[in-house]
Amino acid sequence: MFVTTPVYETGGAIVFGLMRDAVVPDATDVLYKVPSAAEFRLDLISAHFYGTPALWWVIARVNNIEDPLIGAPLQSEIRVPTVQRLASLGLLNV
């Protein structure tokens, strides 16, 4: 009836339970002011910064955006992880 607790090894440490997100807010993130019109959708912001719309979920997670269909609030300032950081995490090939 009960499923076993997942066990992971990360960086030499044993972790029980769910893994942490691969992408969390960081001091190296770019602060991007969402314009009043055009690029408020996360897929468009991802395409602008990373060359692909597929990494929209990274921007959503770093900014705690729960509904990606709504997008980023207009005129708000959001965090966008750098290309170098995503490459170091294995999420983007540069």
N, C-alpha and C. Protein backbone atom coordinates (compact mmCIF):
# COMPACT_ATOMS: atom_id res chain seq x y z
N MET A 1 0.81 -1.19 0.00
CA MET A 1 0.00 0.00 0.00
C MET A 1 0.86 1.26 0.00
N PHE A 2 1.96 1.30 0.74
CA PHE A 2 2.82 2.48 0.78
C PHE A 2 3.99 2.30 -0.18
N VAL A 3 4.34 3.37 -0.81
CA VAL A 3 5.49 3.37 -1.71
C VAL A 3 6.72 3.71 -0.89
N THR A 4 7.85 3.12 -1.22
CA THR A 4 9.08 3.41 -0.47
C THR A 4 9.53 4.84 -0.71
N THR A 5 10.19 5.39 0.26
CA THR A 5 10.72 6.75 0.16
C THR A 5 11.86 6.76 -0.85
N PRO A 6 11.81 7.66 -1.82
CA PRO A 6 12.91 7.72 -2.78
C PRO A 6 14.22 8.13 -2.11
N VAL A 7 15.32 7.54 -2.56
CA VAL A 7 16.65 7.85 -2.03
C VAL A 7 17.52 8.26 -3.21
N TYR A 8 18.20 9.39 -3.06
CA TYR A 8 19.05 9.92 -4.12
C TYR A 8 20.45 10.17 -3.57
N GLU A 9 21.44 10.09 -4.45
CA GLU A 9 22.79 10.49 -4.07
C GLU A 9 23.15 11.70 -4.91
N THR A 10 23.40 12.80 -4.24
CA THR A 10 23.75 14.03 -4.95
C THR A 10 24.97 14.65 -4.30
N GLY A 11 26.00 14.83 -5.06
CA GLY A 11 27.22 15.46 -4.55
C GLY A 11 27.84 14.71 -3.38
N GLY A 12 27.71 13.40 -3.36
CA GLY A 12 28.29 12.61 -2.29
C GLY A 12 27.41 12.48 -1.06
N ALA A 13 26.26 13.15 -1.06
CA ALA A 13 25.35 13.08 0.09
C ALA A 13 24.13 12.24 -0.28
N ILE A 14 23.62 11.51 0.69
CA ILE A 14 22.41 10.73 0.49
C ILE A 14 21.22 11.61 0.89
N VAL A 15 20.22 11.69 0.00
CA VAL A 15 19.04 12.52 0.24
C VAL A 15 17.82 11.62 0.24
N PHE A 16 17.00 11.73 1.28
CA PHE A 16 15.77 10.96 1.36
C PHE A 16 14.59 11.85 1.00
N GLY A 17 13.67 11.34 0.24
CA GLY A 17 12.48 12.10 -0.13
C GLY A 17 12.64 12.75 -1.48
N LEU A 18 11.86 13.79 -1.70
CA LEU A 18 11.88 14.47 -2.99
C LEU A 18 13.13 15.31 -3.14
N MET A 19 13.63 15.38 -4.37
CA MET A 19 14.84 16.18 -4.63
C MET A 19 14.47 17.66 -4.71
N ARG A 20 15.45 18.49 -4.39
CA ARG A 20 15.27 19.93 -4.53
C ARG A 20 15.24 20.28 -6.01
N ASP A 21 14.67 21.43 -6.31
CA ASP A 21 14.67 21.91 -7.69
C ASP A 21 16.10 22.14 -8.15
N ALA A 22 16.33 21.86 -9.41
CA ALA A 22 17.66 22.06 -9.98
C ALA A 22 17.98 23.54 -10.10
N VAL A 23 16.97 24.36 -10.27
CA VAL A 23 17.17 25.78 -10.47
C VAL A 23 16.45 26.56 -9.37
N VAL A 24 17.21 27.29 -8.61
CA VAL A 24 16.68 28.15 -7.55
C VAL A 24 17.23 29.55 -7.76
N PRO A 25 16.63 30.57 -7.15
CA PRO A 25 17.15 31.93 -7.30
C PRO A 25 18.62 32.01 -6.87
N ASP A 26 19.39 32.82 -7.59
CA ASP A 26 20.82 32.95 -7.35
C ASP A 26 21.23 34.40 -7.57
N ALA A 27 22.31 34.81 -6.93
CA ALA A 27 22.80 36.19 -7.06
C ALA A 27 23.26 36.51 -8.48
N THR A 28 23.57 35.50 -9.28
CA THR A 28 24.05 35.74 -10.65
C THR A 28 22.91 35.93 -11.65
N ASP A 29 21.66 35.76 -11.22
CA ASP A 29 20.52 35.90 -12.12
C ASP A 29 20.44 37.31 -12.68
N VAL A 30 19.99 37.41 -13.92
CA VAL A 30 19.75 38.70 -14.55
C VAL A 30 18.38 39.19 -14.10
N LEU A 31 18.28 40.46 -13.71
CA LEU A 31 16.99 41.05 -13.38
C LEU A 31 16.43 41.68 -14.65
N TYR A 32 15.27 41.19 -15.06
CA TYR A 32 14.67 41.59 -16.33
C TYR A 32 13.33 42.27 -16.05
N LYS A 33 13.17 43.49 -16.53
CA LYS A 33 11.91 44.21 -16.37
C LYS A 33 11.00 43.83 -17.54
N VAL A 34 9.88 43.22 -17.22
CA VAL A 34 8.94 42.77 -18.24
C VAL A 34 8.30 43.99 -18.90
N PRO A 35 8.41 44.10 -20.24
CA PRO A 35 7.84 45.26 -20.93
C PRO A 35 6.31 45.31 -20.81
N SER A 36 5.76 46.45 -21.14
CA SER A 36 4.31 46.64 -20.98
C SER A 36 3.50 45.89 -22.03
N ALA A 37 4.14 45.33 -23.03
CA ALA A 37 3.35 44.64 -24.05
C ALA A 37 3.98 43.33 -24.49
N ALA A 38 4.90 43.39 -25.37
CA ALA A 38 5.37 42.24 -26.15
C ALA A 38 5.74 40.98 -25.38
N GLU A 39 6.90 40.94 -24.75
CA GLU A 39 7.43 39.68 -24.22
C GLU A 39 7.05 39.44 -22.76
N PHE A 40 5.78 39.24 -22.49
CA PHE A 40 5.39 38.92 -21.12
C PHE A 40 5.21 37.42 -20.93
N ARG A 41 5.10 36.66 -22.04
CA ARG A 41 4.95 35.21 -21.94
C ARG A 41 6.30 34.59 -21.62
N LEU A 42 6.29 33.58 -20.76
CA LEU A 42 7.53 32.96 -20.33
C LEU A 42 8.27 32.28 -21.47
N ASP A 43 7.55 31.69 -22.43
CA ASP A 43 8.21 31.05 -23.55
C ASP A 43 8.94 32.07 -24.43
N LEU A 44 8.37 33.28 -24.57
CA LEU A 44 9.03 34.33 -25.35
C LEU A 44 10.26 34.87 -24.63
N ILE A 45 10.16 34.99 -23.30
CA ILE A 45 11.32 35.45 -22.52
C ILE A 45 12.43 34.40 -22.59
N SER A 46 12.06 33.13 -22.51
CA SER A 46 13.03 32.04 -22.62
C SER A 46 13.71 32.06 -24.00
N ALA A 47 12.93 32.25 -25.04
CA ALA A 47 13.50 32.31 -26.40
C ALA A 47 14.46 33.50 -26.53
N HIS A 48 14.12 34.62 -25.91
CA HIS A 48 14.96 35.81 -25.96
C HIS A 48 16.31 35.57 -25.28
N PHE A 49 16.30 34.97 -24.10
CA PHE A 49 17.53 34.79 -23.33
C PHE A 49 18.30 33.53 -23.70
N TYR A 50 17.60 32.44 -24.02
CA TYR A 50 18.26 31.15 -24.22
C TYR A 50 18.24 30.63 -25.66
N GLY A 51 17.49 31.31 -26.54
CA GLY A 51 17.42 30.85 -27.92
C GLY A 51 16.44 29.70 -28.11
N THR A 52 15.70 29.35 -27.08
CA THR A 52 14.69 28.30 -27.17
C THR A 52 13.54 28.61 -26.21
N PRO A 53 12.30 28.37 -26.64
CA PRO A 53 11.17 28.60 -25.75
C PRO A 53 11.00 27.46 -24.73
N ALA A 54 11.72 26.38 -24.91
CA ALA A 54 11.54 25.17 -24.09
C ALA A 54 11.93 25.34 -22.63
N LEU A 55 12.71 26.35 -22.31
CA LEU A 55 13.17 26.53 -20.92
C LEU A 55 12.32 27.54 -20.15
N TRP A 56 11.08 27.72 -20.56
CA TRP A 56 10.15 28.62 -19.86
C TRP A 56 9.97 28.20 -18.41
N TRP A 57 10.01 26.89 -18.16
CA TRP A 57 9.78 26.37 -16.80
C TRP A 57 10.87 26.81 -15.83
N VAL A 58 12.09 27.05 -16.33
CA VAL A 58 13.18 27.53 -15.47
C VAL A 58 12.83 28.89 -14.91
N ILE A 59 12.37 29.78 -15.78
CA ILE A 59 12.00 31.14 -15.36
C ILE A 59 10.81 31.08 -14.40
N ALA A 60 9.87 30.19 -14.68
CA ALA A 60 8.70 30.04 -13.80
C ALA A 60 9.12 29.59 -12.41
N ARG A 61 10.00 28.60 -12.32
CA ARG A 61 10.42 28.09 -11.01
C ARG A 61 11.21 29.10 -10.21
N VAL A 62 12.13 29.78 -10.86
CA VAL A 62 12.97 30.75 -10.15
C VAL A 62 12.13 31.91 -9.61
N ASN A 63 11.04 32.23 -10.30
CA ASN A 63 10.20 33.36 -9.90
C ASN A 63 8.91 32.94 -9.19
N ASN A 64 8.79 31.67 -8.86
CA ASN A 64 7.59 31.15 -8.18
C ASN A 64 6.31 31.49 -8.92
N ILE A 65 6.35 31.38 -10.25
CA ILE A 65 5.15 31.61 -11.06
C ILE A 65 4.43 30.28 -11.17
N GLU A 66 3.24 30.22 -10.59
CA GLU A 66 2.51 28.96 -10.54
C GLU A 66 1.72 28.66 -11.81
N ASP A 67 1.25 29.68 -12.50
CA ASP A 67 0.48 29.47 -13.72
C ASP A 67 1.22 30.07 -14.91
N PRO A 68 1.94 29.22 -15.66
CA PRO A 68 2.73 29.74 -16.78
C PRO A 68 1.88 30.32 -17.91
N LEU A 69 0.60 29.99 -17.96
CA LEU A 69 -0.26 30.53 -19.01
C LEU A 69 -0.54 32.01 -18.81
N ILE A 70 -0.47 32.46 -17.58
CA ILE A 70 -0.69 33.89 -17.30
C ILE A 70 0.55 34.69 -17.67
N GLY A 71 1.73 34.10 -17.45
CA GLY A 71 2.98 34.79 -17.76
C GLY A 71 3.45 35.66 -16.61
N ALA A 72 4.44 36.46 -16.89
CA ALA A 72 4.99 37.36 -15.87
C ALA A 72 4.17 38.64 -15.85
N PRO A 73 3.92 39.20 -14.67
CA PRO A 73 3.17 40.46 -14.59
C PRO A 73 3.87 41.58 -15.37
N LEU A 74 3.11 42.32 -16.12
CA LEU A 74 3.66 43.41 -16.91
C LEU A 74 4.32 44.45 -16.00
N GLN A 75 5.44 44.99 -16.45
CA GLN A 75 6.22 46.00 -15.73
C GLN A 75 6.86 45.47 -14.45
N SER A 76 6.78 44.16 -14.20
CA SER A 76 7.43 43.60 -13.01
C SER A 76 8.88 43.25 -13.34
N GLU A 77 9.67 43.06 -12.31
CA GLU A 77 11.06 42.67 -12.48
C GLU A 77 11.18 41.20 -12.07
N ILE A 78 11.65 40.36 -13.02
CA ILE A 78 11.78 38.94 -12.74
C ILE A 78 13.23 38.52 -12.85
N ARG A 79 13.54 37.38 -12.26
CA ARG A 79 14.90 36.83 -12.31
C ARG A 79 15.00 35.88 -13.49
N VAL A 80 16.11 35.97 -14.22
CA VAL A 80 16.37 35.05 -15.33
C VAL A 80 17.77 34.48 -15.11
N PRO A 81 17.88 33.17 -14.86
CA PRO A 81 19.20 32.56 -14.67
C PRO A 81 20.06 32.74 -15.92
N THR A 82 21.35 32.90 -15.71
CA THR A 82 22.26 33.12 -16.83
C THR A 82 22.45 31.84 -17.64
N VAL A 83 22.85 32.01 -18.88
CA VAL A 83 23.14 30.88 -19.77
C VAL A 83 24.24 30.01 -19.17
N GLN A 84 25.26 30.65 -18.59
CA GLN A 84 26.37 29.90 -18.01
C GLN A 84 25.91 29.02 -16.85
N ARG A 85 25.01 29.53 -16.03
CA ARG A 85 24.53 28.74 -14.90
C ARG A 85 23.71 27.55 -15.38
N LEU A 86 22.84 27.76 -16.37
CA LEU A 86 22.06 26.64 -16.90
C LEU A 86 22.95 25.61 -17.57
N ALA A 87 24.02 26.06 -18.21
CA ALA A 87 24.97 25.12 -18.83
C ALA A 87 25.68 24.31 -17.75
N SER A 88 26.04 24.95 -16.65
CA SER A 88 26.73 24.23 -15.57
C SER A 88 25.82 23.21 -14.89
N LEU A 89 24.51 23.45 -14.93
CA LEU A 89 23.54 22.51 -14.36
C LEU A 89 23.13 21.42 -15.35
N GLY A 90 23.62 21.52 -16.59
CA GLY A 90 23.31 20.53 -17.61
C GLY A 90 21.94 20.74 -18.26
N LEU A 91 21.38 21.94 -18.14
CA LEU A 91 20.07 22.21 -18.71
C LEU A 91 20.13 22.86 -20.09
N LEU A 92 21.32 23.34 -20.46
CA LEU A 92 21.45 24.05 -21.73
C LEU A 92 22.83 23.78 -22.30
N ASN A 93 22.88 23.45 -23.58
CA ASN A 93 24.17 23.26 -24.25
C ASN A 93 24.57 24.59 -24.89
N VAL A 94 25.78 25.03 -24.59
CA VAL A 94 26.27 26.28 -25.18
C VAL A 94 27.37 26.01 -26.16
